[in-house]
Amino acid sequence: MAEEKGTGGQETSEKMIKVDVVKFIQGLNKGQLISLGIMLATAIFLLGSVVLYLSQEKMVPLFREPLDAKTFIEIKDILQNRKVPFETERNNKILVPETQADDLRVEFEALDMTSKGKDGYTYLDQTNPLQAGETMMVIQRLRAKEANLARYLQQNPGIKNAYVSITPAKDSPFADEQQPAKASVMLELNKANRMSKSSVEGIQQYIANAIEGAKAEHVVITDQYHNLLSSSTPEDEDAALSQINLQIKNEMERKFIRKILNVVEPILGPGKAVAQVSLDVNFNKKKTVQKVYGGPDNEGEPLAQSTETKEELTNQNATGNPAGAGANVAQGSIPNNANGSSTTKRTATTNYLIDEKQTTVVEAPFEITRISVALNLDYREVENGEIASGFFSQLMGSSDAYEIQTEALSEEELTRIESLVKAAVGFVPKRDYFSINNFEFKPIISKRAAAQLRSGQLIERLKQWTPWIMQVVVFFAFILIATRMFKRFVVPILEQAQLEEPVTAPALPSGTPKTVAELESELDSELNDMVSPVEVTKAEIVRKRVLEFIKEEPDTACSLVRTWIMEEE
């Protein structure tokens, strides 16, 4: 029962709403109906435009490479016959809905209706080696490699087109006449797209490895405006090494700065600290060879390895042999002189065993010899609880509506921050230098420069508010144009419709309107019944009665006046 009552109540309310709507429409005149129709048509048109805009599919290129004229026309005819929505761009490119792009691409590739020459090896397939010769085959190989490299580069979404030119290496039996292979690359980038340094270096490495005899420094990359994207590398090895060392030093300094800010900013807030780090780095490699000899044995004596003993015996006689030829003649046995002497000499050589230890130490490629840190801290912001005065002070100041005051950090806070930063960078007291300062980040400039700075800030804020201001201006302009169009086109229609309506006078209280003669007779009788003509004239009585009648029955009075005018005409 409750459900039936609820359903019946809903049906009754719906019927009442329908009746009210029908009565409202029936109560409108012709001009009001026209105005209502125009407004409904405008609303439906705007709603349909929004729905159509939101329901449009994203258009993507059917093929990234431009099509030749014949293939372009054939694909257009096929899409038109199938009633597939498409758009065309310059360089013979066709855009199709994203949901149908994959299926169409596969189908056209199966029909061999794709961009010609996107595969570099087609140059080799179309060349007969027997007719072309060795020189032409070398040129065709270069063209094939250039086309394949350009095709690879076009896979990057930020690159619209790419052109690669290769200069082959020059071989010579003389070393000073040899030249390495080189390559030039021109990238046609999409609008508002910038290649990162890592992307450019990656392209250099890829192209250098794809070309025989080329290095990354021999690959030059530019954009369509001939801006150099690749960094030139010095040919001198020492200069190149110095440049690499400088890059390593700068990267290390940036890492130290990030470490310092990661420690300080959570305490003071973003933008409240400025850090600079300077490193002294030694990039000289060192190789140290150290020899350590073994010590004595347990008794404190050196260890003996071997001992060599040598003994010599020498005899000396008192009388010598006779001089002359007789010395060479054999003599009889002569006994030794009892007065002769003999000498014995002994020599001992001992070889000791000595331990030898050799150590080779190779130090790191670079060594930090000194760290210099400069840290500047801004004052702390404190709210005083008072509302900021003035609209512009709130607009140009902080995001909240309270006034902000600044105060310096205490010595204890500075000491704690200093200890944290030193621990983060690995500070060595006798080697490194550290400086910390606390002052308000407020530029010391002249009044003129301060005024220019404020004007610049105002301009920046106006730039931020410009989109909103433009929307408001467009809205009021639309309202103004709509009002003028309404007055110019709709108001005349309403006035014409009002004039075309039949003029009917409402019935008088007596039921039938009175004639002029009857009204004049009534006025004469009233004049006779009232005071003497000397005090009140007929015109005054008529004026009084007319004013009273108009106040009591304004609609009836208007109808009477209209009826009198029509009778006179």
Foldseek 3Di string as FASTA:
>chain_A
DVVVVVVVVVVVVVVVVVVVVVVVVVPDFPLVVVVVVVVVVVVVVVVVVVVVVVPDADWDWLDLAAADPVLLVVVVVVCVVVVFDWDADPSSIIIGGPVCSVVVSVVCVVVVSDHPPLQLCVLVVPDDPVPQDDVSVVVSVQSRLQSPLQSVVSVDPFFSGKGKDKDCWDDDPDPVPTGFIAMEMETATDPPDDDDLVRLQVSLCVVQVSGPRGHSLRYWYAYPVRDTNHDHADPDPVRNVVVVVVVVQVVVFVVLQVLLCVLPCVPQHPPFKDKGKHWDKAQDKDKDKDKDKAADDPVRHFAWDDKDKDKDKAKFAPDDADDDPVSVDDDDDDDGDPPIGMDMDMDMDIHTDMGMDMDIDIDDSMDTQEMEMEMEGAFHKDFPPDFDDDPVCCVLDDVDRTDIDTDWDDPVVVVVSVVSSCVSVVNDVVGYHYHYYYYHPDDDDDPVVVVVVVVVSVVVVCVVCVVVVVVVVVVVVVVVVVVVCCVVPSVVVVVVSVVPDDQDADADPVRHDDDPVVVVVVLVVVQVVDDDCVVPPSVRVVVVVLVVCCVVCVSNSVSVVVVVVVVVD
